[in-house]
Amino acid sequence: MPTKRKSSRRRYGKAAGKSVASAMRRKKRGTLKSGPGGKGGTVKSRQQAIAIGLSEARKKGAKVPTRKAA
């Protein structure tokens, strides 16, 4: 009996990718800030920049999976 292959689907939409790319550019320039109102300071971590980009994409209504529960 042949095994059924799971269809590959995009988990993240194009808009989410653009938002993350924008956040990465701002990180490189040194203008990406963390926290509410940018009061947390300049972002140094690549992972933090990606998280901020995805968060912004969620707020805009882009196709982004929900966060995992801690």
PDB file of N, CA and C in Angstrom:
ATOM      1  N   MET A   1       0.844  -1.190   0.000  1.00  0.00           N
ATOM      2  CA  MET A   1       0.000   0.000   0.000  1.00  0.00           C
ATOM      3  C   MET A   1       0.888   1.251   0.000  1.00  0.00           C
ATOM      4  N   PRO A   2       0.720   2.132  -0.978  1.00  0.00           N
ATOM      5  CA  PRO A   2       1.577   3.315  -1.040  1.00  0.00           C
ATOM      6  C   PRO A   2       1.274   4.286   0.099  1.00  0.00           C
ATOM      7  N   THR A   3       2.340   4.908   0.627  1.00  0.00           N
ATOM      8  CA  THR A   3       2.150   5.884   1.702  1.00  0.00           C
ATOM      9  C   THR A   3       1.722   7.214   1.103  1.00  0.00           C
ATOM     10  N   LYS A   4       0.845   7.872   1.787  1.00  0.00           N
ATOM     11  CA  LYS A   4       0.342   9.151   1.295  1.00  0.00           C
ATOM     12  C   LYS A   4       1.327  10.256   1.668  1.00  0.00           C
ATOM     13  N   ARG A   5       1.666  11.055   0.694  1.00  0.00           N
ATOM     14  CA  ARG A   5       2.616  12.133   0.915  1.00  0.00           C
ATOM     15  C   ARG A   5       1.881  13.396   1.341  1.00  0.00           C
ATOM     16  N   LYS A   6       2.416  14.071   2.342  1.00  0.00           N
ATOM     17  CA  LYS A   6       1.800  15.312   2.824  1.00  0.00           C
ATOM     18  C   LYS A   6       2.059  16.430   1.801  1.00  0.00           C
ATOM     19  N   SER A   7       1.016  17.122   1.427  1.00  0.00           N
ATOM     20  CA  SER A   7       1.184  18.201   0.446  1.00  0.00           C
ATOM     21  C   SER A   7       1.932  19.365   1.089  1.00  0.00           C
ATOM     22  N   SER A   8       2.883  19.897   0.325  1.00  0.00           N
ATOM     23  CA  SER A   8       3.648  21.019   0.865  1.00  0.00           C
ATOM     24  C   SER A   8       2.826  22.287   0.698  1.00  0.00           C
ATOM     25  N   ARG A   9       2.735  23.038   1.740  1.00  0.00           N
ATOM     26  CA  ARG A   9       1.969  24.286   1.704  1.00  0.00           C
ATOM     27  C   ARG A   9       2.798  25.377   2.360  1.00  0.00           C
ATOM     28  N   ARG A  10       2.530  26.588   1.949  1.00  0.00           N
ATOM     29  CA  ARG A  10       3.258  27.708   2.540  1.00  0.00           C
ATOM     30  C   ARG A  10       2.712  28.007   3.923  1.00  0.00           C
ATOM     31  N   ARG A  11       3.573  27.973   4.909  1.00  0.00           N
ATOM     32  CA  ARG A  11       3.126  28.294   6.268  1.00  0.00           C
ATOM     33  C   ARG A  11       3.053  29.803   6.459  1.00  0.00           C
ATOM     34  N   TYR A  12       3.985  30.507   5.822  1.00  0.00           N
ATOM     35  CA  TYR A  12       4.029  31.958   5.944  1.00  0.00           C
ATOM     36  C   TYR A  12       3.685  32.575   4.592  1.00  0.00           C
ATOM     37  N   GLY A  13       2.911  33.645   4.599  1.00  0.00           N
ATOM     38  CA  GLY A  13       2.552  34.332   3.366  1.00  0.00           C
ATOM     39  C   GLY A  13       3.685  35.231   2.884  1.00  0.00           C
ATOM     40  N   LYS A  14       3.530  35.767   1.683  1.00  0.00           N
ATOM     41  CA  LYS A  14       4.551  36.655   1.113  1.00  0.00           C
ATOM     42  C   LYS A  14       4.703  37.925   1.942  1.00  0.00           C
ATOM     43  N   ALA A  15       3.594  38.429   2.445  1.00  0.00           N
ATOM     44  CA  ALA A  15       3.623  39.666   3.241  1.00  0.00           C
ATOM     45  C   ALA A  15       4.442  39.470   4.511  1.00  0.00           C
ATOM     46  N   ALA A  16       4.379  38.269   5.086  1.00  0.00           N
ATOM     47  CA  ALA A  16       5.154  37.981   6.295  1.00  0.00           C
ATOM     48  C   ALA A  16       6.647  38.021   5.988  1.00  0.00           C
ATOM     49  N   GLY A  17       7.022  37.470   4.835  1.00  0.00           N
ATOM     50  CA  GLY A  17       8.427  37.477   4.426  1.00  0.00           C
ATOM     51  C   GLY A  17       8.948  38.887   4.205  1.00  0.00           C
ATOM     52  N   LYS A  18       8.114  39.732   3.617  1.00  0.00           N
ATOM     53  CA  LYS A  18       8.512  41.122   3.383  1.00  0.00           C
ATOM     54  C   LYS A  18       8.702  41.865   4.701  1.00  0.00           C
ATOM     55  N   SER A  19       7.821  41.582   5.663  1.00  0.00           N
ATOM     56  CA  SER A  19       7.901  42.233   6.968  1.00  0.00           C
ATOM     57  C   SER A  19       9.180  41.824   7.703  1.00  0.00           C
ATOM     58  N   VAL A  20       9.537  40.542   7.615  1.00  0.00           N
ATOM     59  CA  VAL A  20      10.760  40.053   8.259  1.00  0.00           C
ATOM     60  C   VAL A  20      11.988  40.651   7.564  1.00  0.00           C
ATOM     61  N   ALA A  21      11.960  40.706   6.237  1.00  0.00           N
ATOM     62  CA  ALA A  21      13.083  41.287   5.491  1.00  0.00           C
ATOM     63  C   ALA A  21      13.285  42.751   5.864  1.00  0.00           C
ATOM     64  N   SER A  22      12.175  43.464   6.037  1.00  0.00           N
ATOM     65  CA  SER A  22      12.241  44.868   6.431  1.00  0.00           C
ATOM     66  C   SER A  22      12.862  45.010   7.822  1.00  0.00           C
ATOM     67  N   ALA A  23      12.454  44.123   8.746  1.00  0.00           N
ATOM     68  CA  ALA A  23      13.004  44.158  10.104  1.00  0.00           C
ATOM     69  C   ALA A  23      14.500  43.858  10.086  1.00  0.00           C
ATOM     70  N   MET A  24      14.928  42.932   9.227  1.00  0.00           N
ATOM     71  CA  MET A  24      16.353  42.596   9.136  1.00  0.00           C
ATOM     72  C   MET A  24      17.164  43.783   8.601  1.00  0.00           C
ATOM     73  N   ARG A  25      16.602  44.487   7.627  1.00  0.00           N
ATOM     74  CA  ARG A  25      17.297  45.667   7.101  1.00  0.00           C
ATOM     75  C   ARG A  25      17.434  46.735   8.184  1.00  0.00           C
ATOM     76  N   ARG A  26      16.353  46.937   8.955  1.00  0.00           N
ATOM     77  CA  ARG A  26      16.408  47.930  10.035  1.00  0.00           C
ATOM     78  C   ARG A  26      17.411  47.528  11.111  1.00  0.00           C
ATOM     79  N   LYS A  27      17.535  46.218  11.365  1.00  0.00           N
ATOM     80  CA  LYS A  27      18.527  45.727  12.340  1.00  0.00           C
ATOM     81  C   LYS A  27      19.935  46.059  11.853  1.00  0.00           C
ATOM     82  N   LYS A  28      20.199  45.801  10.562  1.00  0.00           N
ATOM     83  CA  LYS A  28      21.528  46.068  10.006  1.00  0.00           C
ATOM     84  C   LYS A  28      21.887  47.551  10.077  1.00  0.00           C
ATOM     85  N   ARG A  29      20.878  48.390   9.852  1.00  0.00           N
ATOM     86  CA  ARG A  29      21.100  49.840   9.926  1.00  0.00           C
ATOM     87  C   ARG A  29      21.246  50.323  11.366  1.00  0.00           C
ATOM     88  N   GLY A  30      20.736  49.515  12.305  1.00  0.00           N
ATOM     89  CA  GLY A  30      20.814  49.889  13.720  1.00  0.00           C
ATOM     90  C   GLY A  30      19.635  50.709  14.180  1.00  0.00           C
ATOM     91  N   THR A  31      18.516  50.686  13.431  1.00  0.00           N
ATOM     92  CA  THR A  31      17.348  51.483  13.808  1.00  0.00           C
ATOM     93  C   THR A  31      16.215  50.635  14.378  1.00  0.00           C
ATOM     94  N   LEU A  32      16.407  49.301  14.435  1.00  0.00           N
ATOM     95  CA  LEU A  32      15.364  48.423  14.960  1.00  0.00           C
ATOM     96  C   LEU A  32      15.415  48.427  16.479  1.00  0.00           C
ATOM     97  N   LYS A  33      14.304  48.797  17.100  1.00  0.00           N
ATOM     98  CA  LYS A  33      14.225  48.873  18.561  1.00  0.00           C
ATOM     99  C   LYS A  33      13.239  47.832  19.070  1.00  0.00           C
ATOM    100  N   SER A  34      13.449  47.368  20.279  1.00  0.00           N
ATOM    101  CA  SER A  34      12.550  46.377  20.866  1.00  0.00           C
ATOM    102  C   SER A  34      11.685  47.027  21.942  1.00  0.00           C
ATOM    103  N   GLY A  35      10.639  46.330  22.302  1.00  0.00           N
ATOM    104  CA  GLY A  35       9.767  46.798  23.371  1.00  0.00           C
ATOM    105  C   GLY A  35       8.732  47.793  22.890  1.00  0.00           C
ATOM    106  N   PRO A  36       7.747  48.080  23.753  1.00  0.00           N
ATOM    107  CA  PRO A  36       6.694  49.029  23.376  1.00  0.00           C
ATOM    108  C   PRO A  36       7.260  50.438  23.180  1.00  0.00           C
ATOM    109  N   GLY A  37       7.012  50.981  22.017  1.00  0.00           N
ATOM    110  CA  GLY A  37       7.498  52.333  21.733  1.00  0.00           C
ATOM    111  C   GLY A  37       8.996  52.387  21.501  1.00  0.00           C
ATOM    112  N   GLY A  38       9.656  51.230  21.347  1.00  0.00           N
ATOM    113  CA  GLY A  38      11.101  51.196  21.118  1.00  0.00           C
ATOM    114  C   GLY A  38      11.922  51.536  22.331  1.00  0.00           C
ATOM    115  N   LYS A  39      11.346  51.326  23.519  1.00  0.00           N
ATOM    116  CA  LYS A  39      12.042  51.706  24.747  1.00  0.00           C
ATOM    117  C   LYS A  39      12.991  50.619  25.262  1.00  0.00           C
ATOM    118  N   GLY A  40      12.989  49.443  24.596  1.00  0.00           N
ATOM    119  CA  GLY A  40      13.834  48.337  25.056  1.00  0.00           C
ATOM    120  C   GLY A  40      15.257  48.407  24.561  1.00  0.00           C
ATOM    121  N   GLY A  41      15.553  49.336  23.697  1.00  0.00           N
ATOM    122  CA  GLY A  41      16.914  49.461  23.187  1.00  0.00           C
ATOM    123  C   GLY A  41      17.068  48.859  21.802  1.00  0.00           C
ATOM    124  N   THR A  42      18.263  48.994  21.262  1.00  0.00           N
ATOM    125  CA  THR A  42      18.555  48.513  19.914  1.00  0.00           C
ATOM    126  C   THR A  42      18.652  46.993  19.899  1.00  0.00           C
ATOM    127  N   VAL A  43      18.089  46.391  18.864  1.00  0.00           N
ATOM    128  CA  VAL A  43      18.110  44.937  18.719  1.00  0.00           C
ATOM    129  C   VAL A  43      19.449  44.512  18.139  1.00  0.00           C
ATOM    130  N   LYS A  44      20.111  43.542  18.779  1.00  0.00           N
ATOM    131  CA  LYS A  44      21.383  43.005  18.299  1.00  0.00           C
ATOM    132  C   LYS A  44      21.211  41.600  17.723  1.00  0.00           C
ATOM    133  N   SER A  45      20.241  40.862  18.242  1.00  0.00           N
ATOM    134  CA  SER A  45      20.056  39.467  17.873  1.00  0.00           C
ATOM    135  C   SER A  45      19.263  39.302  16.585  1.00  0.00           C
ATOM    136  N   ARG A  46      19.729  38.357  15.736  1.00  0.00           N
ATOM    137  CA  ARG A  46      19.043  38.047  14.478  1.00  0.00           C
ATOM    138  C   ARG A  46      17.677  37.436  14.765  1.00  0.00           C
ATOM    139  N   GLN A  47      17.614  36.542  15.762  1.00  0.00           N
ATOM    140  CA  GLN A  47      16.348  35.894  16.114  1.00  0.00           C
ATOM    141  C   GLN A  47      15.324  36.908  16.608  1.00  0.00           C
ATOM    142  N   GLN A  48      15.789  37.884  17.370  1.00  0.00           N
ATOM    143  CA  GLN A  48      14.881  38.913  17.879  1.00  0.00           C
ATOM    144  C   GLN A  48      14.322  39.744  16.726  1.00  0.00           C
ATOM    145  N   ALA A  49      15.168  40.034  15.732  1.00  0.00           N
ATOM    146  CA  ALA A  49      14.721  40.802  14.565  1.00  0.00           C
ATOM    147  C   ALA A  49      13.647  40.028  13.798  1.00  0.00           C
ATOM    148  N   ILE A  50      13.829  38.718  13.646  1.00  0.00           N
ATOM    149  CA  ILE A  50      12.837  37.885  12.962  1.00  0.00           C
ATOM    150  C   ILE A  50      11.531  37.879  13.742  1.00  0.00           C
ATOM    151  N   ALA A  51      11.623  37.753  15.061  1.00  0.00           N
ATOM    152  CA  ALA A  51      10.428  37.738  15.913  1.00  0.00           C
ATOM    153  C   ALA A  51       9.657  39.052  15.799  1.00  0.00           C
ATOM    154  N   ILE A  52      10.364  40.159  15.754  1.00  0.00           N
ATOM    155  CA  ILE A  52       9.715  41.467  15.625  1.00  0.00           C
ATOM    156  C   ILE A  52       9.033  41.574  14.260  1.00  0.00           C
ATOM    157  N   GLY A  53       9.713  41.103  13.211  1.00  0.00           N
ATOM    158  CA  GLY A  53       9.136  41.125  11.864  1.00  0.00           C
ATOM    159  C   GLY A  53       7.862  40.304  11.779  1.00  0.00           C
ATOM    160  N   LEU A  54       7.855  39.115  12.389  1.00  0.00           N
ATOM    161  CA  LEU A  54       6.658  38.265  12.383  1.00  0.00           C
ATOM    162  C   LEU A  54       5.533  38.889  13.202  1.00  0.00           C
ATOM    163  N   SER A  55       5.900  39.521  14.303  1.00  0.00           N
ATOM    164  CA  SER A  55       4.903  40.184  15.146  1.00  0.00           C
ATOM    165  C   SER A  55       4.225  41.327  14.383  1.00  0.00           C
ATOM    166  N   GLU A  56       5.025  42.096  13.649  1.00  0.00           N
ATOM    167  CA  GLU A  56       4.475  43.193  12.846  1.00  0.00           C
ATOM    168  C   GLU A  56       3.569  42.646  11.739  1.00  0.00           C
ATOM    169  N   ALA A  57       3.971  41.519  11.154  1.00  0.00           N
ATOM    170  CA  ALA A  57       3.168  40.893  10.101  1.00  0.00           C
ATOM    171  C   ALA A  57       1.816  40.443  10.658  1.00  0.00           C
ATOM    172  N   ARG A  58       1.827  39.867  11.873  1.00  0.00           N
ATOM    173  CA  ARG A  58       0.572  39.443  12.516  1.00  0.00           C
ATOM    174  C   ARG A  58      -0.365  40.630  12.714  1.00  0.00           C
ATOM    175  N   LYS A  59       0.197  41.746  13.151  1.00  0.00           N
ATOM    176  CA  LYS A  59      -0.626  42.934  13.395  1.00  0.00           C
ATOM    177  C   LYS A  59      -1.254  43.459  12.109  1.00  0.00           C
ATOM    178  N   LYS A  60      -0.531  43.287  10.974  1.00  0.00           N
ATOM    179  CA  LYS A  60      -1.057  43.731   9.685  1.00  0.00           C
ATOM    180  C   LYS A  60      -2.066  42.744   9.108  1.00  0.00           C
ATOM    181  N   GLY A  61      -2.147  41.544   9.701  1.00  0.00           N
ATOM    182  CA  GLY A  61      -3.103  40.548   9.223  1.00  0.00           C
ATOM    183  C   GLY A  61      -2.528  39.601   8.183  1.00  0.00           C
ATOM    184  N   ALA A  62      -1.196  39.483   8.096  1.00  0.00           N
ATOM    185  CA  ALA A  62      -0.566  38.575   7.144  1.00  0.00           C
ATOM    186  C   ALA A  62      -0.707  37.136   7.619  1.00  0.00           C
ATOM    187  N   LYS A  63      -0.491  36.195   6.697  1.00  0.00           N
ATOM    188  CA  LYS A  63      -0.615  34.778   7.031  1.00  0.00           C
ATOM    189  C   LYS A  63       0.648  34.339   7.788  1.00  0.00           C
ATOM    190  N   VAL A  64       0.493  34.235   9.113  1.00  0.00           N
ATOM    191  CA  VAL A  64       1.598  33.822   9.992  1.00  0.00           C
ATOM    192  C   VAL A  64       1.011  32.843  10.994  1.00  0.00           C
ATOM    193  N   PRO A  65       1.656  31.668  11.222  1.00  0.00           N
ATOM    194  CA  PRO A  65       1.131  30.742  12.219  1.00  0.00           C
ATOM    195  C   PRO A  65       1.118  31.376  13.607  1.00  0.00           C
ATOM    196  N   THR A  66       0.205  30.906  14.445  1.00  0.00           N
ATOM    197  CA  THR A  66       0.123  31.440  15.809  1.00  0.00           C
ATOM    198  C   THR A  66       1.347  31.037  16.597  1.00  0.00           C
ATOM    199  N   ARG A  67       1.651  31.792  17.622  1.00  0.00           N
ATOM    200  CA  ARG A  67       2.818  31.516  18.458  1.00  0.00           C
ATOM    201  C   ARG A  67       2.626  30.235  19.244  1.00  0.00           C
ATOM    202  N   LYS A  68       3.734  29.558  19.519  1.00  0.00           N
ATOM    203  CA  LYS A  68       3.683  28.359  20.357  1.00  0.00           C
ATOM    204  C   LYS A  68       3.529  28.800  21.817  1.00  0.00           C
ATOM    205  N   ALA A  69       2.734  28.042  22.570  1.00  0.00           N
ATOM    206  CA  ALA A  69       2.542  28.363  23.991  1.00  0.00           C
ATOM    207  C   ALA A  69       3.833  28.044  24.751  1.00  0.00           C
ATOM    208  N   ALA A  70       4.166  28.891  25.691  1.00  0.00           N
ATOM    209  CA  ALA A  70       5.388  28.697  26.478  1.00  0.00           C
ATOM    210  C   ALA A  70       5.226  27.551  27.455  1.00  0.00           C
TER     211      ALA A  70
END
